[in-house]
Amino acid sequence: MNSMRNRVQLIGHLGRDPECLEIGDRKLVKFSLATDQKFKNAEGEWETITTWHHVVAWGKIASQMEKVLTKGSEIMLEGKISNRSYEDKNGQKRYVSEIEVRDFMLIGYSRA
C-alpha cells in the first residue's frame, strides 16, 4: 500500500517545449502539461475544462524527456505531487505545486 501514497497518473499534451537545465551534476527538465475533462452541461452540450500542471523531471528521466518531447506531444506520466516555496525578487514568499515524474510514455505525436 505504501507505493500508492502520493501517486499521480496523468495523460495530456505538452504546452511548450521542455526547458532543460543543469543543476550541479544533475539534469532538470520542466514543462507544462494540459489535461482535459469533458462533460455535458445543463443544456446537454459537451464542454471541456483544461487544467495546466507544472511538471519536473530529474536525472535519467529528464535526459530521456529532453530527447523525445516537444510542444504538443501527448504523454502518459506517473509521479508524485511536490510542493515547495521560494522568495521572488521582491521578497514575497511564493508557493509552487509540481508533478515530479517517476516514469513516462510518449503515446501520441505532436499536434503543434
N, C-alpha and C. Protein backbone atom coordinates (compact mmCIF):
# COMPACT_ATOMS: atom_id res chain seq x y z
N MET A 1 0.81 -1.20 0.00
CA MET A 1 0.00 0.00 0.00
C MET A 1 0.86 1.27 0.00
N ASN A 2 2.09 1.19 0.49
CA ASN A 2 2.93 2.37 0.55
C ASN A 2 3.17 2.99 -0.82
N SER A 3 3.23 2.15 -1.88
CA SER A 3 3.50 2.66 -3.22
C SER A 3 2.33 3.46 -3.77
N MET A 4 1.18 3.42 -3.11
CA MET A 4 0.01 4.17 -3.58
C MET A 4 -0.07 5.56 -2.95
N ARG A 5 0.78 5.86 -2.01
CA ARG A 5 0.76 7.17 -1.37
C ARG A 5 1.44 8.21 -2.27
N ASN A 6 0.83 9.37 -2.36
CA ASN A 6 1.34 10.48 -3.18
C ASN A 6 1.71 9.99 -4.58
N ARG A 7 0.74 9.44 -5.27
CA ARG A 7 0.94 8.93 -6.62
C ARG A 7 -0.03 9.62 -7.58
N VAL A 8 0.50 10.09 -8.69
CA VAL A 8 -0.29 10.81 -9.69
C VAL A 8 -0.05 10.15 -11.05
N GLN A 9 -1.13 9.95 -11.80
CA GLN A 9 -1.03 9.48 -13.17
C GLN A 9 -1.82 10.45 -14.04
N LEU A 10 -1.18 10.97 -15.09
CA LEU A 10 -1.82 11.94 -15.97
C LEU A 10 -1.57 11.58 -17.43
N ILE A 11 -2.53 11.92 -18.27
CA ILE A 11 -2.36 11.86 -19.71
C ILE A 11 -2.71 13.25 -20.23
N GLY A 12 -1.79 13.82 -21.01
CA GLY A 12 -2.04 15.16 -21.53
C GLY A 12 -1.05 15.54 -22.61
N HIS A 13 -1.13 16.81 -23.02
CA HIS A 13 -0.28 17.36 -24.06
C HIS A 13 0.64 18.43 -23.48
N LEU A 14 1.89 18.45 -23.94
CA LEU A 14 2.84 19.48 -23.52
C LEU A 14 2.41 20.83 -24.07
N GLY A 15 2.42 21.84 -23.21
CA GLY A 15 2.05 23.18 -23.62
C GLY A 15 3.20 23.97 -24.21
N ARG A 16 4.42 23.49 -24.01
CA ARG A 16 5.61 24.14 -24.56
C ARG A 16 6.72 23.11 -24.62
N ASP A 17 7.78 23.44 -25.37
CA ASP A 17 8.94 22.55 -25.40
C ASP A 17 9.52 22.45 -24.00
N PRO A 18 10.05 21.29 -23.63
CA PRO A 18 10.67 21.16 -22.31
C PRO A 18 11.85 22.12 -22.15
N GLU A 19 11.96 22.70 -20.96
CA GLU A 19 13.10 23.56 -20.63
C GLU A 19 14.12 22.70 -19.89
N CYS A 20 15.34 22.65 -20.40
CA CYS A 20 16.38 21.78 -19.84
C CYS A 20 17.44 22.61 -19.13
N LEU A 21 17.77 22.20 -17.90
CA LEU A 21 18.77 22.89 -17.10
C LEU A 21 19.73 21.88 -16.49
N GLU A 22 20.95 22.33 -16.22
CA GLU A 22 21.92 21.53 -15.47
C GLU A 22 22.01 22.15 -14.08
N ILE A 23 21.70 21.36 -13.05
CA ILE A 23 21.78 21.82 -11.67
C ILE A 23 22.87 20.96 -11.01
N GLY A 24 24.04 21.54 -10.82
CA GLY A 24 25.16 20.75 -10.33
C GLY A 24 25.49 19.69 -11.36
N ASP A 25 25.49 18.43 -10.95
CA ASP A 25 25.76 17.33 -11.88
C ASP A 25 24.48 16.61 -12.30
N ARG A 26 23.33 17.22 -12.01
CA ARG A 26 22.04 16.61 -12.36
C ARG A 26 21.33 17.42 -13.42
N LYS A 27 20.59 16.73 -14.27
CA LYS A 27 19.78 17.38 -15.31
C LYS A 27 18.36 17.56 -14.79
N LEU A 28 17.78 18.71 -15.10
CA LEU A 28 16.39 19.02 -14.76
C LEU A 28 15.66 19.40 -16.03
N VAL A 29 14.47 18.84 -16.22
CA VAL A 29 13.59 19.21 -17.31
C VAL A 29 12.28 19.66 -16.69
N LYS A 30 11.74 20.78 -17.21
CA LYS A 30 10.44 21.24 -16.73
C LYS A 30 9.60 21.70 -17.91
N PHE A 31 8.29 21.51 -17.77
CA PHE A 31 7.34 21.89 -18.82
C PHE A 31 5.95 21.94 -18.23
N SER A 32 5.00 22.45 -19.02
CA SER A 32 3.61 22.46 -18.59
C SER A 32 2.86 21.37 -19.36
N LEU A 33 1.90 20.75 -18.68
CA LEU A 33 1.10 19.67 -19.26
C LEU A 33 -0.37 20.03 -19.12
N ALA A 34 -1.11 19.93 -20.23
CA ALA A 34 -2.55 20.22 -20.23
C ALA A 34 -3.32 18.91 -20.20
N THR A 35 -4.25 18.80 -19.25
CA THR A 35 -5.16 17.66 -19.21
C THR A 35 -6.58 18.20 -19.39
N ASP A 36 -7.42 17.42 -20.06
CA ASP A 36 -8.79 17.84 -20.35
C ASP A 36 -9.80 16.97 -19.62
N GLN A 37 -10.88 17.61 -19.19
CA GLN A 37 -12.02 16.91 -18.60
C GLN A 37 -13.25 17.30 -19.39
N LYS A 38 -13.95 16.31 -19.96
CA LYS A 38 -15.13 16.58 -20.78
C LYS A 38 -16.39 16.18 -20.02
N PHE A 39 -17.43 16.98 -20.17
CA PHE A 39 -18.71 16.71 -19.51
C PHE A 39 -19.83 17.37 -20.27
N LYS A 40 -21.04 16.93 -20.01
CA LYS A 40 -22.23 17.57 -20.60
C LYS A 40 -22.76 18.61 -19.63
N ASN A 41 -23.04 19.79 -20.16
CA ASN A 41 -23.60 20.85 -19.32
C ASN A 41 -25.11 20.67 -19.17
N ALA A 42 -25.77 21.61 -18.51
CA ALA A 42 -27.21 21.51 -18.25
C ALA A 42 -28.04 21.47 -19.52
N GLU A 43 -27.51 22.04 -20.60
CA GLU A 43 -28.23 22.04 -21.89
C GLU A 43 -27.93 20.79 -22.71
N GLY A 44 -27.11 19.89 -22.17
CA GLY A 44 -26.78 18.66 -22.87
C GLY A 44 -25.66 18.79 -23.88
N GLU A 45 -24.97 19.93 -23.87
CA GLU A 45 -23.86 20.15 -24.78
C GLU A 45 -22.54 19.77 -24.10
N TRP A 46 -21.60 19.26 -24.90
CA TRP A 46 -20.30 18.87 -24.37
C TRP A 46 -19.45 20.11 -24.10
N GLU A 47 -18.80 20.12 -22.94
CA GLU A 47 -17.86 21.17 -22.58
C GLU A 47 -16.56 20.52 -22.16
N THR A 48 -15.48 21.27 -22.30
CA THR A 48 -14.16 20.78 -21.91
C THR A 48 -13.53 21.78 -20.95
N ILE A 49 -12.99 21.27 -19.86
CA ILE A 49 -12.20 22.09 -18.93
C ILE A 49 -10.76 21.61 -19.03
N THR A 50 -9.85 22.55 -19.29
CA THR A 50 -8.44 22.22 -19.38
C THR A 50 -7.74 22.65 -18.09
N THR A 51 -6.96 21.74 -17.51
CA THR A 51 -6.16 22.03 -16.32
C THR A 51 -4.69 21.97 -16.71
N TRP A 52 -3.94 22.98 -16.28
CA TRP A 52 -2.50 23.03 -16.56
C TRP A 52 -1.72 22.60 -15.33
N HIS A 53 -0.72 21.75 -15.54
CA HIS A 53 0.12 21.22 -14.47
C HIS A 53 1.57 21.61 -14.72
N HIS A 54 2.27 22.00 -13.66
CA HIS A 54 3.72 22.21 -13.73
C HIS A 54 4.37 20.84 -13.54
N VAL A 55 5.26 20.46 -14.45
CA VAL A 55 5.88 19.13 -14.41
C VAL A 55 7.40 19.29 -14.39
N VAL A 56 8.07 18.50 -13.54
CA VAL A 56 9.53 18.48 -13.49
C VAL A 56 10.01 17.04 -13.51
N ALA A 57 11.20 16.84 -14.04
CA ALA A 57 11.84 15.52 -14.03
C ALA A 57 13.34 15.72 -13.83
N TRP A 58 13.96 14.76 -13.15
CA TRP A 58 15.39 14.84 -12.83
C TRP A 58 16.14 13.64 -13.41
N GLY A 59 17.43 13.83 -13.63
CA GLY A 59 18.34 12.73 -13.96
C GLY A 59 18.05 12.04 -15.27
N LYS A 60 18.04 10.70 -15.22
CA LYS A 60 17.88 9.87 -16.42
C LYS A 60 16.54 10.13 -17.12
N ILE A 61 15.48 10.25 -16.34
CA ILE A 61 14.15 10.53 -16.93
C ILE A 61 14.19 11.87 -17.65
N ALA A 62 14.83 12.87 -17.05
CA ALA A 62 14.94 14.19 -17.68
C ALA A 62 15.68 14.10 -19.01
N SER A 63 16.75 13.33 -19.04
CA SER A 63 17.52 13.16 -20.29
C SER A 63 16.68 12.51 -21.38
N GLN A 64 15.89 11.50 -21.01
CA GLN A 64 15.02 10.84 -21.97
C GLN A 64 13.96 11.80 -22.49
N MET A 65 13.35 12.56 -21.59
CA MET A 65 12.31 13.51 -21.98
C MET A 65 12.86 14.58 -22.92
N GLU A 66 14.05 15.06 -22.62
CA GLU A 66 14.68 16.09 -23.45
C GLU A 66 14.83 15.63 -24.90
N LYS A 67 15.11 14.36 -25.09
CA LYS A 67 15.35 13.80 -26.43
C LYS A 67 14.07 13.62 -27.25
N VAL A 68 12.96 13.27 -26.61
CA VAL A 68 11.77 12.85 -27.38
C VAL A 68 10.57 13.78 -27.29
N LEU A 69 10.53 14.71 -26.34
CA LEU A 69 9.33 15.53 -26.16
C LEU A 69 9.46 16.90 -26.81
N THR A 70 8.35 17.36 -27.39
CA THR A 70 8.24 18.70 -27.93
C THR A 70 6.85 19.23 -27.61
N LYS A 71 6.67 20.52 -27.82
CA LYS A 71 5.35 21.13 -27.61
C LYS A 71 4.30 20.33 -28.37
N GLY A 72 3.20 20.01 -27.70
CA GLY A 72 2.10 19.27 -28.32
C GLY A 72 2.18 17.77 -28.15
N SER A 73 3.35 17.23 -27.76
CA SER A 73 3.47 15.78 -27.57
C SER A 73 2.42 15.30 -26.57
N GLU A 74 1.82 14.15 -26.85
CA GLU A 74 0.89 13.55 -25.90
C GLU A 74 1.65 12.49 -25.12
N ILE A 75 1.59 12.60 -23.79
CA ILE A 75 2.30 11.65 -22.94
C ILE A 75 1.41 11.16 -21.81
N MET A 76 1.80 10.01 -21.29
CA MET A 76 1.24 9.48 -20.05
C MET A 76 2.39 9.51 -19.06
N LEU A 77 2.14 10.04 -17.87
CA LEU A 77 3.21 10.08 -16.87
C LEU A 77 2.71 9.59 -15.53
N GLU A 78 3.66 9.14 -14.74
CA GLU A 78 3.40 8.71 -13.37
C GLU A 78 4.42 9.42 -12.50
N GLY A 79 3.96 9.96 -11.38
CA GLY A 79 4.87 10.67 -10.50
C GLY A 79 4.23 10.97 -9.16
N LYS A 80 4.71 12.04 -8.53
CA LYS A 80 4.18 12.45 -7.24
C LYS A 80 4.01 13.95 -7.21
N ILE A 81 3.15 14.43 -6.32
CA ILE A 81 2.96 15.86 -6.13
C ILE A 81 4.05 16.35 -5.20
N SER A 82 4.70 17.42 -5.61
CA SER A 82 5.78 18.01 -4.83
C SER A 82 5.44 19.48 -4.59
N ASN A 83 5.53 19.92 -3.35
CA ASN A 83 5.25 21.32 -3.00
C ASN A 83 6.53 21.96 -2.50
N ARG A 84 6.76 23.20 -2.92
CA ARG A 84 7.94 23.94 -2.47
C ARG A 84 7.60 25.42 -2.40
N SER A 85 8.47 26.18 -1.76
CA SER A 85 8.29 27.62 -1.69
C SER A 85 9.63 28.29 -2.00
N TYR A 86 9.54 29.55 -2.42
CA TYR A 86 10.73 30.34 -2.69
C TYR A 86 10.37 31.81 -2.53
N GLU A 87 11.40 32.66 -2.45
CA GLU A 87 11.16 34.10 -2.40
C GLU A 87 11.40 34.68 -3.77
N ASP A 88 10.44 35.50 -4.25
CA ASP A 88 10.63 36.15 -5.54
C ASP A 88 11.56 37.34 -5.38
N LYS A 89 11.79 38.07 -6.48
CA LYS A 89 12.75 39.17 -6.45
C LYS A 89 12.30 40.34 -5.58
N ASN A 90 11.03 40.37 -5.21
CA ASN A 90 10.50 41.41 -4.32
C ASN A 90 10.46 40.97 -2.86
N GLY A 91 10.98 39.77 -2.59
CA GLY A 91 10.99 39.26 -1.22
C GLY A 91 9.69 38.58 -0.80
N GLN A 92 8.74 38.43 -1.72
CA GLN A 92 7.46 37.77 -1.43
C GLN A 92 7.66 36.25 -1.46
N LYS A 93 7.08 35.57 -0.50
CA LYS A 93 7.14 34.11 -0.48
C LYS A 93 6.11 33.56 -1.47
N ARG A 94 6.55 32.69 -2.36
CA ARG A 94 5.68 32.07 -3.36
C ARG A 94 5.66 30.56 -3.13
N TYR A 95 4.52 29.95 -3.44
CA TYR A 95 4.34 28.52 -3.28
C TYR A 95 4.06 27.88 -4.63
N VAL A 96 4.66 26.73 -4.87
CA VAL A 96 4.52 26.04 -6.14
C VAL A 96 4.19 24.57 -5.88
N SER A 97 3.21 24.05 -6.61
CA SER A 97 2.93 22.62 -6.62
C SER A 97 3.32 22.09 -7.99
N GLU A 98 4.08 20.99 -8.01
CA GLU A 98 4.57 20.42 -9.26
C GLU A 98 4.34 18.92 -9.24
N ILE A 99 4.30 18.35 -10.43
CA ILE A 99 4.29 16.90 -10.58
C ILE A 99 5.74 16.50 -10.86
N GLU A 100 6.31 15.68 -10.00
CA GLU A 100 7.68 15.18 -10.18
C GLU A 100 7.58 13.80 -10.82
N VAL A 101 8.08 13.68 -12.05
CA VAL A 101 7.92 12.48 -12.86
C VAL A 101 8.82 11.35 -12.39
N ARG A 102 8.24 10.16 -12.26
CA ARG A 102 9.00 8.93 -11.99
C ARG A 102 9.15 8.09 -13.26
N ASP A 103 8.13 8.15 -14.13
CA ASP A 103 8.14 7.38 -15.37
C ASP A 103 7.18 8.05 -16.36
N PHE A 104 7.43 7.83 -17.65
CA PHE A 104 6.56 8.42 -18.65
C PHE A 104 6.57 7.56 -19.91
N MET A 105 5.56 7.81 -20.77
CA MET A 105 5.46 7.12 -22.05
C MET A 105 4.91 8.11 -23.08
N LEU A 106 5.57 8.19 -24.21
CA LEU A 106 5.09 9.01 -25.31
C LEU A 106 3.97 8.20 -25.98
N ILE A 107 2.75 8.78 -26.04
CA ILE A 107 1.63 7.99 -26.59
C ILE A 107 1.03 8.63 -27.83
N GLY A 108 1.45 9.83 -28.18
CA GLY A 108 0.91 10.47 -29.37
C GLY A 108 1.92 11.40 -29.98
N TYR A 109 1.63 11.83 -31.17
CA TYR A 109 2.51 12.73 -31.88
C TYR A 109 2.16 14.17 -31.55
N SER A 110 3.08 15.06 -31.81
CA SER A 110 2.88 16.47 -31.58
C SER A 110 1.74 17.00 -32.44
N ARG A 111 0.90 17.82 -31.86
CA ARG A 111 -0.16 18.45 -32.64
C ARG A 111 0.14 19.93 -32.86
N ALA A 112 1.38 20.32 -32.55
CA ALA A 112 1.79 21.72 -32.75
C ALA A 112 2.18 21.96 -34.19
